[in-house]
Amino acid sequence: MRPYLREKIPSSIDEIPSATAYEAGYLVTKNSGWRNVRPVIDTATCVGCQNCYLYCPDGVISIEDGKAKIDYDFCKGCGICRTVCKPGAIRMEAEK
């Protein structure tokens, strides 16, 4: 099996996405309650790089005052934001 390769690698900054697939506030139904862990942001460590904002599949992360903020009503707890956070400002915490 061969690994998937892009036919074209972005050659300029204009070809790289500048926002998420859905802007924050796009979802209209709240989390159904099945989430068992949730991301928590350490605002002292957050550098505002916006990686979590760009990679969040549901667009529940916004940037306010240069720091990431999560809308827990719509977050499903997938952990992608924690995975892409280079400074390590996001940790997953058990749902209370």
PDB file of N, CA and C in Angstrom:
ATOM      1  N   MET A   1       0.843  -1.174   0.000  1.00  0.00           N
ATOM      2  CA  MET A   1       0.000   0.000   0.000  1.00  0.00           C
ATOM      3  C   MET A   1       0.890   1.240   0.000  1.00  0.00           C
ATOM      4  N   ARG A   2       0.625   2.151  -0.878  1.00  0.00           N
ATOM      5  CA  ARG A   2       1.428   3.355  -0.978  1.00  0.00           C
ATOM      6  C   ARG A   2       0.793   4.469  -0.151  1.00  0.00           C
ATOM      7  N   PRO A   3       1.603   5.291   0.481  1.00  0.00           N
ATOM      8  CA  PRO A   3       1.040   6.417   1.222  1.00  0.00           C
ATOM      9  C   PRO A   3       0.420   7.423   0.271  1.00  0.00           C
ATOM     10  N   TYR A   4      -0.603   8.099   0.749  1.00  0.00           N
ATOM     11  CA  TYR A   4      -1.270   9.123  -0.043  1.00  0.00           C
ATOM     12  C   TYR A   4      -0.371  10.346  -0.144  1.00  0.00           C
ATOM     13  N   LEU A   5      -0.156  10.824  -1.337  1.00  0.00           N
ATOM     14  CA  LEU A   5       0.632  12.027  -1.552  1.00  0.00           C
ATOM     15  C   LEU A   5      -0.211  13.057  -2.275  1.00  0.00           C
ATOM     16  N   ARG A   6      -0.071  14.296  -1.867  1.00  0.00           N
ATOM     17  CA  ARG A   6      -0.774  15.364  -2.569  1.00  0.00           C
ATOM     18  C   ARG A   6      -0.186  15.529  -3.959  1.00  0.00           C
ATOM     19  N   GLU A   7      -1.039  15.840  -4.900  1.00  0.00           N
ATOM     20  CA  GLU A   7      -0.538  16.112  -6.236  1.00  0.00           C
ATOM     21  C   GLU A   7       0.212  17.432  -6.259  1.00  0.00           C
ATOM     22  N   LYS A   8      -0.251  18.357  -5.434  1.00  0.00           N
ATOM     23  CA  LYS A   8       0.365  19.679  -5.434  1.00  0.00           C
ATOM     24  C   LYS A   8       0.550  20.136  -3.994  1.00  0.00           C
ATOM     25  N   ILE A   9       1.735  20.497  -3.640  1.00  0.00           N
ATOM     26  CA  ILE A   9       2.024  21.036  -2.316  1.00  0.00           C
ATOM     27  C   ILE A   9       1.851  22.543  -2.389  1.00  0.00           C
ATOM     28  N   PRO A  10       1.146  23.154  -1.408  1.00  0.00           N
ATOM     29  CA  PRO A  10       0.961  24.609  -1.463  1.00  0.00           C
ATOM     30  C   PRO A  10       2.304  25.323  -1.603  1.00  0.00           C
ATOM     31  N   SER A  11       2.378  26.215  -2.565  1.00  0.00           N
ATOM     32  CA  SER A  11       3.636  26.906  -2.830  1.00  0.00           C
ATOM     33  C   SER A  11       3.663  28.320  -2.275  1.00  0.00           C
ATOM     34  N   SER A  12       2.521  28.809  -1.842  1.00  0.00           N
ATOM     35  CA  SER A  12       2.497  30.159  -1.281  1.00  0.00           C
ATOM     36  C   SER A  12       1.501  30.224  -0.137  1.00  0.00           C
ATOM     37  N   ILE A  13       1.615  31.256   0.647  1.00  0.00           N
ATOM     38  CA  ILE A  13       0.740  31.447   1.799  1.00  0.00           C
ATOM     39  C   ILE A  13      -0.717  31.641   1.356  1.00  0.00           C
ATOM     40  N   ASP A  14      -0.931  32.077   0.128  1.00  0.00           N
ATOM     41  CA  ASP A  14      -2.282  32.293  -0.377  1.00  0.00           C
ATOM     42  C   ASP A  14      -3.060  30.988  -0.542  1.00  0.00           C
ATOM     43  N   GLU A  15      -2.353  29.864  -0.660  1.00  0.00           N
ATOM     44  CA  GLU A  15      -3.006  28.579  -0.874  1.00  0.00           C
ATOM     45  C   GLU A  15      -3.279  27.822   0.429  1.00  0.00           C
ATOM     46  N   ILE A  16      -2.858  28.369   1.569  1.00  0.00           N
ATOM     47  CA  ILE A  16      -3.068  27.726   2.858  1.00  0.00           C
ATOM     48  C   ILE A  16      -4.333  28.306   3.475  1.00  0.00           C
ATOM     49  N   PRO A  17      -5.229  27.470   4.030  1.00  0.00           N
ATOM     50  CA  PRO A  17      -6.473  27.985   4.603  1.00  0.00           C
ATOM     51  C   PRO A  17      -6.207  29.015   5.693  1.00  0.00           C
ATOM     52  N   SER A  18      -7.031  30.025   5.744  1.00  0.00           N
ATOM     53  CA  SER A  18      -6.857  31.065   6.751  1.00  0.00           C
ATOM     54  C   SER A  18      -7.908  30.967   7.848  1.00  0.00           C
ATOM     55  N   ALA A  19      -8.830  30.026   7.738  1.00  0.00           N
ATOM     56  CA  ALA A  19      -9.877  29.881   8.741  1.00  0.00           C
ATOM     57  C   ALA A  19     -10.340  28.430   8.775  1.00  0.00           C
ATOM     58  N   THR A  20     -11.225  28.138   9.710  1.00  0.00           N
ATOM     59  CA  THR A  20     -11.754  26.792   9.846  1.00  0.00           C
ATOM     60  C   THR A  20     -12.796  26.519   8.768  1.00  0.00           C
ATOM     61  N   ALA A  21     -13.235  25.271   8.692  1.00  0.00           N
ATOM     62  CA  ALA A  21     -14.273  24.919   7.736  1.00  0.00           C
ATOM     63  C   ALA A  21     -15.587  25.626   8.082  1.00  0.00           C
ATOM     64  N   TYR A  22     -15.863  25.744   9.348  1.00  0.00           N
ATOM     65  CA  TYR A  22     -17.057  26.444   9.821  1.00  0.00           C
ATOM     66  C   TYR A  22     -16.627  27.492  10.823  1.00  0.00           C
ATOM     67  N   GLU A  23     -17.150  28.685  10.695  1.00  0.00           N
ATOM     68  CA  GLU A  23     -16.796  29.714  11.661  1.00  0.00           C
ATOM     69  C   GLU A  23     -17.473  29.407  12.993  1.00  0.00           C
ATOM     70  N   ALA A  24     -16.904  29.913  14.066  1.00  0.00           N
ATOM     71  CA  ALA A  24     -17.453  29.674  15.394  1.00  0.00           C
ATOM     72  C   ALA A  24     -18.912  30.128  15.434  1.00  0.00           C
ATOM     73  N   GLY A  25     -19.746  29.348  16.064  1.00  0.00           N
ATOM     74  CA  GLY A  25     -21.168  29.669  16.156  1.00  0.00           C
ATOM     75  C   GLY A  25     -22.006  29.052  15.063  1.00  0.00           C
ATOM     76  N   TYR A  26     -21.413  28.225  14.200  1.00  0.00           N
ATOM     77  CA  TYR A  26     -22.138  27.629  13.083  1.00  0.00           C
ATOM     78  C   TYR A  26     -23.077  26.517  13.540  1.00  0.00           C
ATOM     79  N   LEU A  27     -22.647  25.725  14.518  1.00  0.00           N
ATOM     80  CA  LEU A  27     -23.478  24.612  14.984  1.00  0.00           C
ATOM     81  C   LEU A  27     -24.723  25.141  15.688  1.00  0.00           C
ATOM     82  N   VAL A  28     -25.828  24.459  15.516  1.00  0.00           N
ATOM     83  CA  VAL A  28     -27.076  24.947  16.098  1.00  0.00           C
ATOM     84  C   VAL A  28     -27.638  24.037  17.184  1.00  0.00           C
ATOM     85  N   THR A  29     -27.126  22.818  17.327  1.00  0.00           N
ATOM     86  CA  THR A  29     -27.595  21.934  18.393  1.00  0.00           C
ATOM     87  C   THR A  29     -26.469  21.694  19.386  1.00  0.00           C
ATOM     88  N   LYS A  30     -26.815  21.711  20.664  1.00  0.00           N
ATOM     89  CA  LYS A  30     -25.814  21.539  21.705  1.00  0.00           C
ATOM     90  C   LYS A  30     -25.336  20.103  21.785  1.00  0.00           C
ATOM     91  N   ASN A  31     -24.178  19.922  22.420  1.00  0.00           N
ATOM     92  CA  ASN A  31     -23.610  18.603  22.664  1.00  0.00           C
ATOM     93  C   ASN A  31     -24.664  17.747  23.354  1.00  0.00           C
ATOM     94  N   SER A  32     -24.810  16.527  22.913  1.00  0.00           N
ATOM     95  CA  SER A  32     -25.875  15.667  23.447  1.00  0.00           C
ATOM     96  C   SER A  32     -25.524  15.039  24.790  1.00  0.00           C
ATOM     97  N   GLY A  33     -24.347  15.355  25.343  1.00  0.00           N
ATOM     98  CA  GLY A  33     -24.005  14.858  26.663  1.00  0.00           C
ATOM     99  C   GLY A  33     -23.168  13.603  26.662  1.00  0.00           C
ATOM    100  N   TRP A  34     -22.686  13.146  25.510  1.00  0.00           N
ATOM    101  CA  TRP A  34     -21.892  11.922  25.475  1.00  0.00           C
ATOM    102  C   TRP A  34     -20.412  12.176  25.690  1.00  0.00           C
ATOM    103  N   ARG A  35     -19.982  13.429  25.731  1.00  0.00           N
ATOM    104  CA  ARG A  35     -18.559  13.750  25.921  1.00  0.00           C
ATOM    105  C   ARG A  35     -18.124  13.316  27.322  1.00  0.00           C
ATOM    106  N   ASN A  36     -16.988  12.598  27.423  1.00  0.00           N
ATOM    107  CA  ASN A  36     -16.504  12.182  28.743  1.00  0.00           C
ATOM    108  C   ASN A  36     -15.219  12.896  29.139  1.00  0.00           C
ATOM    109  N   VAL A  37     -14.552  13.548  28.195  1.00  0.00           N
ATOM    110  CA  VAL A  37     -13.413  14.415  28.493  1.00  0.00           C
ATOM    111  C   VAL A  37     -13.586  15.714  27.730  1.00  0.00           C
ATOM    112  N   ARG A  38     -13.014  16.769  28.269  1.00  0.00           N
ATOM    113  CA  ARG A  38     -13.109  18.063  27.603  1.00  0.00           C
ATOM    114  C   ARG A  38     -11.762  18.770  27.643  1.00  0.00           C
ATOM    115  N   PRO A  39     -11.489  19.584  26.639  1.00  0.00           N
ATOM    116  CA  PRO A  39     -10.221  20.319  26.625  1.00  0.00           C
ATOM    117  C   PRO A  39     -10.292  21.522  27.558  1.00  0.00           C
ATOM    118  N   VAL A  40      -9.203  21.755  28.268  1.00  0.00           N
ATOM    119  CA  VAL A  40      -9.098  22.914  29.143  1.00  0.00           C
ATOM    120  C   VAL A  40      -7.851  23.675  28.733  1.00  0.00           C
ATOM    121  N   ILE A  41      -7.996  24.987  28.553  1.00  0.00           N
ATOM    122  CA  ILE A  41      -6.890  25.815  28.082  1.00  0.00           C
ATOM    123  C   ILE A  41      -6.235  26.528  29.253  1.00  0.00           C
ATOM    124  N   ASP A  42      -4.913  26.403  29.345  1.00  0.00           N
ATOM    125  CA  ASP A  42      -4.124  27.150  30.323  1.00  0.00           C
ATOM    126  C   ASP A  42      -3.782  28.483  29.653  1.00  0.00           C
ATOM    127  N   THR A  43      -4.483  29.544  30.030  1.00  0.00           N
ATOM    128  CA  THR A  43      -4.314  30.830  29.358  1.00  0.00           C
ATOM    129  C   THR A  43      -2.927  31.429  29.588  1.00  0.00           C
ATOM    130  N   ALA A  44      -2.246  31.021  30.645  1.00  0.00           N
ATOM    131  CA  ALA A  44      -0.888  31.520  30.875  1.00  0.00           C
ATOM    132  C   ALA A  44       0.091  30.929  29.867  1.00  0.00           C
ATOM    133  N   THR A  45      -0.180  29.716  29.403  1.00  0.00           N
ATOM    134  CA  THR A  45       0.703  29.033  28.450  1.00  0.00           C
ATOM    135  C   THR A  45       0.307  29.310  26.999  1.00  0.00           C
ATOM    136  N   CYS A  46      -0.965  29.605  26.747  1.00  0.00           N
ATOM    137  CA  CYS A  46      -1.466  29.845  25.386  1.00  0.00           C
ATOM    138  C   CYS A  46      -0.769  31.057  24.767  1.00  0.00           C
ATOM    139  N   VAL A  47      -0.225  30.869  23.568  1.00  0.00           N
ATOM    140  CA  VAL A  47       0.469  31.952  22.867  1.00  0.00           C
ATOM    141  C   VAL A  47      -0.387  32.560  21.748  1.00  0.00           C
ATOM    142  N   GLY A  48      -1.601  32.058  21.570  1.00  0.00           N
ATOM    143  CA  GLY A  48      -2.489  32.589  20.550  1.00  0.00           C
ATOM    144  C   GLY A  48      -2.085  32.234  19.132  1.00  0.00           C
ATOM    145  N   CYS A  49      -1.458  31.073  18.938  1.00  0.00           N
ATOM    146  CA  CYS A  49      -0.989  30.663  17.605  1.00  0.00           C
ATOM    147  C   CYS A  49      -2.139  30.277  16.671  1.00  0.00           C
ATOM    148  N   GLN A  50      -3.305  29.993  17.208  1.00  0.00           N
ATOM    149  CA  GLN A  50      -4.534  29.677  16.476  1.00  0.00           C
ATOM    150  C   GLN A  50      -4.535  28.303  15.820  1.00  0.00           C
ATOM    151  N   ASN A  51      -3.590  27.421  16.140  1.00  0.00           N
ATOM    152  CA  ASN A  51      -3.626  26.065  15.595  1.00  0.00           C
ATOM    153  C   ASN A  51      -4.891  25.344  16.016  1.00  0.00           C
ATOM    154  N   CYS A  52      -5.258  25.452  17.275  1.00  0.00           N
ATOM    155  CA  CYS A  52      -6.473  24.770  17.753  1.00  0.00           C
ATOM    156  C   CYS A  52      -7.698  25.307  17.023  1.00  0.00           C
ATOM    157  N   TYR A  53      -7.741  26.599  16.804  1.00  0.00           N
ATOM    158  CA  TYR A  53      -8.843  27.236  16.080  1.00  0.00           C
ATOM    159  C   TYR A  53      -8.939  26.709  14.647  1.00  0.00           C
ATOM    160  N   LEU A  54      -7.801  26.587  13.994  1.00  0.00           N
ATOM    161  CA  LEU A  54      -7.789  26.136  12.604  1.00  0.00           C
ATOM    162  C   LEU A  54      -8.129  24.662  12.445  1.00  0.00           C
ATOM    163  N   TYR A  55      -7.746  23.826  13.413  1.00  0.00           N
ATOM    164  CA  TYR A  55      -7.938  22.384  13.287  1.00  0.00           C
ATOM    165  C   TYR A  55      -9.229  21.864  13.908  1.00  0.00           C
ATOM    166  N   CYS A  56      -9.920  22.658  14.708  1.00  0.00           N
ATOM    167  CA  CYS A  56     -11.152  22.185  15.360  1.00  0.00           C
ATOM    168  C   CYS A  56     -12.192  21.820  14.300  1.00  0.00           C
ATOM    169  N   PRO A  57     -12.628  20.542  14.262  1.00  0.00           N
ATOM    170  CA  PRO A  57     -13.558  20.125  13.215  1.00  0.00           C
ATOM    171  C   PRO A  57     -14.950  20.732  13.346  1.00  0.00           C
ATOM    172  N   ASP A  58     -15.292  21.209  14.521  1.00  0.00           N
ATOM    173  CA  ASP A  58     -16.632  21.776  14.716  1.00  0.00           C
ATOM    174  C   ASP A  58     -16.633  23.285  14.863  1.00  0.00           C
ATOM    175  N   GLY A  59     -15.477  23.912  14.807  1.00  0.00           N
ATOM    176  CA  GLY A  59     -15.415  25.375  14.894  1.00  0.00           C
ATOM    177  C   GLY A  59     -15.881  25.915  16.229  1.00  0.00           C
ATOM    178  N   VAL A  60     -15.571  25.218  17.322  1.00  0.00           N
ATOM    179  CA  VAL A  60     -16.033  25.660  18.635  1.00  0.00           C
ATOM    180  C   VAL A  60     -14.991  26.493  19.376  1.00  0.00           C
ATOM    181  N   ILE A  61     -13.843  26.701  18.763  1.00  0.00           N
ATOM    182  CA  ILE A  61     -12.787  27.483  19.396  1.00  0.00           C
ATOM    183  C   ILE A  61     -12.731  28.854  18.738  1.00  0.00           C
ATOM    184  N   SER A  62     -12.675  29.868  19.573  1.00  0.00           N
ATOM    185  CA  SER A  62     -12.530  31.230  19.074  1.00  0.00           C
ATOM    186  C   SER A  62     -11.312  31.851  19.752  1.00  0.00           C
ATOM    187  N   ILE A  63     -10.827  32.939  19.211  1.00  0.00           N
ATOM    188  CA  ILE A  63      -9.685  33.640  19.788  1.00  0.00           C
ATOM    189  C   ILE A  63     -10.192  34.973  20.329  1.00  0.00           C
ATOM    190  N   GLU A  64     -10.013  35.153  21.619  1.00  0.00           N
ATOM    191  CA  GLU A  64     -10.429  36.402  22.265  1.00  0.00           C
ATOM    192  C   GLU A  64      -9.265  36.950  23.065  1.00  0.00           C
ATOM    193  N   ASP A  65      -8.938  38.204  22.840  1.00  0.00           N
ATOM    194  CA  ASP A  65      -7.803  38.856  23.509  1.00  0.00           C
ATOM    195  C   ASP A  65      -6.509  38.074  23.311  1.00  0.00           C
ATOM    196  N   GLY A  66      -6.332  37.476  22.142  1.00  0.00           N
ATOM    197  CA  GLY A  66      -5.119  36.759  21.812  1.00  0.00           C
ATOM    198  C   GLY A  66      -4.998  35.380  22.438  1.00  0.00           C
ATOM    199  N   LYS A  67      -6.072  34.878  23.042  1.00  0.00           N
ATOM    200  CA  LYS A  67      -6.059  33.562  23.683  1.00  0.00           C
ATOM    201  C   LYS A  67      -7.232  32.734  23.154  1.00  0.00           C
ATOM    202  N   ALA A  68      -7.055  31.420  23.144  1.00  0.00           N
ATOM    203  CA  ALA A  68      -8.114  30.522  22.671  1.00  0.00           C
ATOM    204  C   ALA A  68      -9.203  30.385  23.728  1.00  0.00           C
ATOM    205  N   LYS A  69     -10.435  30.253  23.259  1.00  0.00           N
ATOM    206  CA  LYS A  69     -11.585  30.057  24.143  1.00  0.00           C
ATOM    207  C   LYS A  69     -12.475  28.994  23.508  1.00  0.00           C
ATOM    208  N   ILE A  70     -12.980  28.058  24.320  1.00  0.00           N
ATOM    209  CA  ILE A  70     -13.775  26.940  23.818  1.00  0.00           C
ATOM    210  C   ILE A  70     -15.234  27.101  24.225  1.00  0.00           C
ATOM    211  N   ASP A  71     -16.133  26.868  23.276  1.00  0.00           N
ATOM    212  CA  ASP A  71     -17.567  26.860  23.553  1.00  0.00           C
ATOM    213  C   ASP A  71     -17.949  25.425  23.912  1.00  0.00           C
ATOM    214  N   TYR A  72     -18.046  25.140  25.221  1.00  0.00           N
ATOM    215  CA  TYR A  72     -18.295  23.777  25.685  1.00  0.00           C
ATOM    216  C   TYR A  72     -19.690  23.264  25.347  1.00  0.00           C
ATOM    217  N   ASP A  73     -20.619  24.141  25.004  1.00  0.00           N
ATOM    218  CA  ASP A  73     -21.952  23.685  24.612  1.00  0.00           C
ATOM    219  C   ASP A  73     -21.891  22.829  23.351  1.00  0.00           C
ATOM    220  N   PHE A  74     -20.902  23.064  22.494  1.00  0.00           N
ATOM    221  CA  PHE A  74     -20.831  22.369  21.215  1.00  0.00           C
ATOM    222  C   PHE A  74     -19.594  21.491  21.046  1.00  0.00           C
ATOM    223  N   CYS A  75     -18.646  21.567  21.979  1.00  0.00           N
ATOM    224  CA  CYS A  75     -17.425  20.757  21.907  1.00  0.00           C
ATOM    225  C   CYS A  75     -17.767  19.291  22.152  1.00  0.00           C
ATOM    226  N   LYS A  76     -17.225  18.393  21.311  1.00  0.00           N
ATOM    227  CA  LYS A  76     -17.496  16.969  21.514  1.00  0.00           C
ATOM    228  C   LYS A  76     -16.339  16.241  22.190  1.00  0.00           C
ATOM    229  N   GLY A  77     -15.259  16.951  22.510  1.00  0.00           N
ATOM    230  CA  GLY A  77     -14.160  16.357  23.265  1.00  0.00           C
ATOM    231  C   GLY A  77     -13.267  15.440  22.461  1.00  0.00           C
ATOM    232  N   CYS A  78     -13.089  15.713  21.182  1.00  0.00           N
ATOM    233  CA  CYS A  78     -12.297  14.825  20.326  1.00  0.00           C
ATOM    234  C   CYS A  78     -10.804  14.890  20.628  1.00  0.00           C
ATOM    235  N   GLY A  79     -10.304  16.009  21.165  1.00  0.00           N
ATOM    236  CA  GLY A  79      -8.904  16.130  21.536  1.00  0.00           C
ATOM    237  C   GLY A  79      -7.967  16.570  20.429  1.00  0.00           C
ATOM    238  N   ILE A  80      -8.489  16.904  19.273  1.00  0.00           N
ATOM    239  CA  ILE A  80      -7.636  17.359  18.177  1.00  0.00           C
ATOM    240  C   ILE A  80      -6.909  18.643  18.578  1.00  0.00           C
ATOM    241  N   CYS A  81      -7.587  19.524  19.284  1.00  0.00           N
ATOM    242  CA  CYS A  81      -6.967  20.779  19.711  1.00  0.00           C
ATOM    243  C   CYS A  81      -5.749  20.512  20.596  1.00  0.00           C
ATOM    244  N   ARG A  82      -5.845  19.548  21.491  1.00  0.00           N
ATOM    245  CA  ARG A  82      -4.731  19.193  22.367  1.00  0.00           C
ATOM    246  C   ARG A  82      -3.562  18.648  21.547  1.00  0.00           C
ATOM    247  N   THR A  83      -3.882  17.854  20.547  1.00  0.00           N
ATOM    248  CA  THR A  83      -2.847  17.239  19.712  1.00  0.00           C
ATOM    249  C   THR A  83      -2.060  18.281  18.918  1.00  0.00           C
ATOM    250  N   VAL A  84      -2.719  19.303  18.414  1.00  0.00           N
ATOM    251  CA  VAL A  84      -2.050  20.291  17.569  1.00  0.00           C
ATOM    252  C   VAL A  84      -1.484  21.474  18.351  1.00  0.00           C
ATOM    253  N   CYS A  85      -1.718  21.533  19.646  1.00  0.00           N
ATOM    254  CA  CYS A  85      -1.235  22.652  20.464  1.00  0.00           C
ATOM    255  C   CYS A  85       0.255  22.482  20.742  1.00  0.00           C
ATOM    256  N   LYS A  86       1.086  23.239  20.028  1.00  0.00           N
ATOM    257  CA  LYS A  86       2.539  23.110  20.179  1.00  0.00           C
ATOM    258  C   LYS A  86       3.048  23.573  21.537  1.00  0.00           C
ATOM    259  N   PRO A  87       2.521  24.657  22.123  1.00  0.00           N
ATOM    260  CA  PRO A  87       3.021  25.050  23.443  1.00  0.00           C
ATOM    261  C   PRO A  87       2.508  24.159  24.578  1.00  0.00           C
ATOM    262  N   GLY A  88       1.569  23.268  24.283  1.00  0.00           N
ATOM    263  CA  GLY A  88       1.030  22.382  25.316  1.00  0.00           C
ATOM    264  C   GLY A  88       0.087  23.084  26.276  1.00  0.00           C
ATOM    265  N   ALA A  89      -0.635  24.075  25.787  1.00  0.00           N
ATOM    266  CA  ALA A  89      -1.535  24.851  26.629  1.00  0.00           C
ATOM    267  C   ALA A  89      -2.887  24.186  26.836  1.00  0.00           C
ATOM    268  N   ILE A  90      -3.167  23.100  26.118  1.00  0.00           N
ATOM    269  CA  ILE A  90      -4.460  22.426  26.227  1.00  0.00           C
ATOM    270  C   ILE A  90      -4.253  21.047  26.821  1.00  0.00           C
ATOM    271  N   ARG A  91      -5.042  20.740  27.839  1.00  0.00           N
ATOM    272  CA  ARG A  91      -5.035  19.399  28.432  1.00  0.00           C
ATOM    273  C   ARG A  91      -6.460  18.883  28.430  1.00  0.00           C
ATOM    274  N   MET A  92      -6.596  17.570  28.406  1.00  0.00           N
ATOM    275  CA  MET A  92      -7.919  16.960  28.453  1.00  0.00           C
ATOM    276  C   MET A  92      -8.241  16.606  29.901  1.00  0.00           C
ATOM    277  N   GLU A  93      -9.434  16.984  30.321  1.00  0.00           N
ATOM    278  CA  GLU A  93      -9.867  16.799  31.705  1.00  0.00           C
ATOM    279  C   GLU A  93     -11.160  15.971  31.712  1.00  0.00           C
ATOM    280  N   ALA A  94     -11.291  15.099  32.685  1.00  0.00           N
ATOM    281  CA  ALA A  94     -12.510  14.289  32.798  1.00  0.00           C
ATOM    282  C   ALA A  94     -13.720  15.195  33.021  1.00  0.00           C
ATOM    283  N   GLU A  95     -14.796  14.868  32.348  1.00  0.00           N
ATOM    284  CA  GLU A  95     -16.044  15.623  32.480  1.00  0.00           C
ATOM    285  C   GLU A  95     -16.605  15.424  33.878  1.00  0.00           C
ATOM    286  N   LYS A  96     -17.083  16.484  34.466  1.00  0.00           N
ATOM    287  CA  LYS A  96     -17.631  16.409  35.840  1.00  0.00           C
ATOM    288  C   LYS A  96     -19.097  16.137  35.859  1.00  0.00           C
TER     289      LYS A  96
END
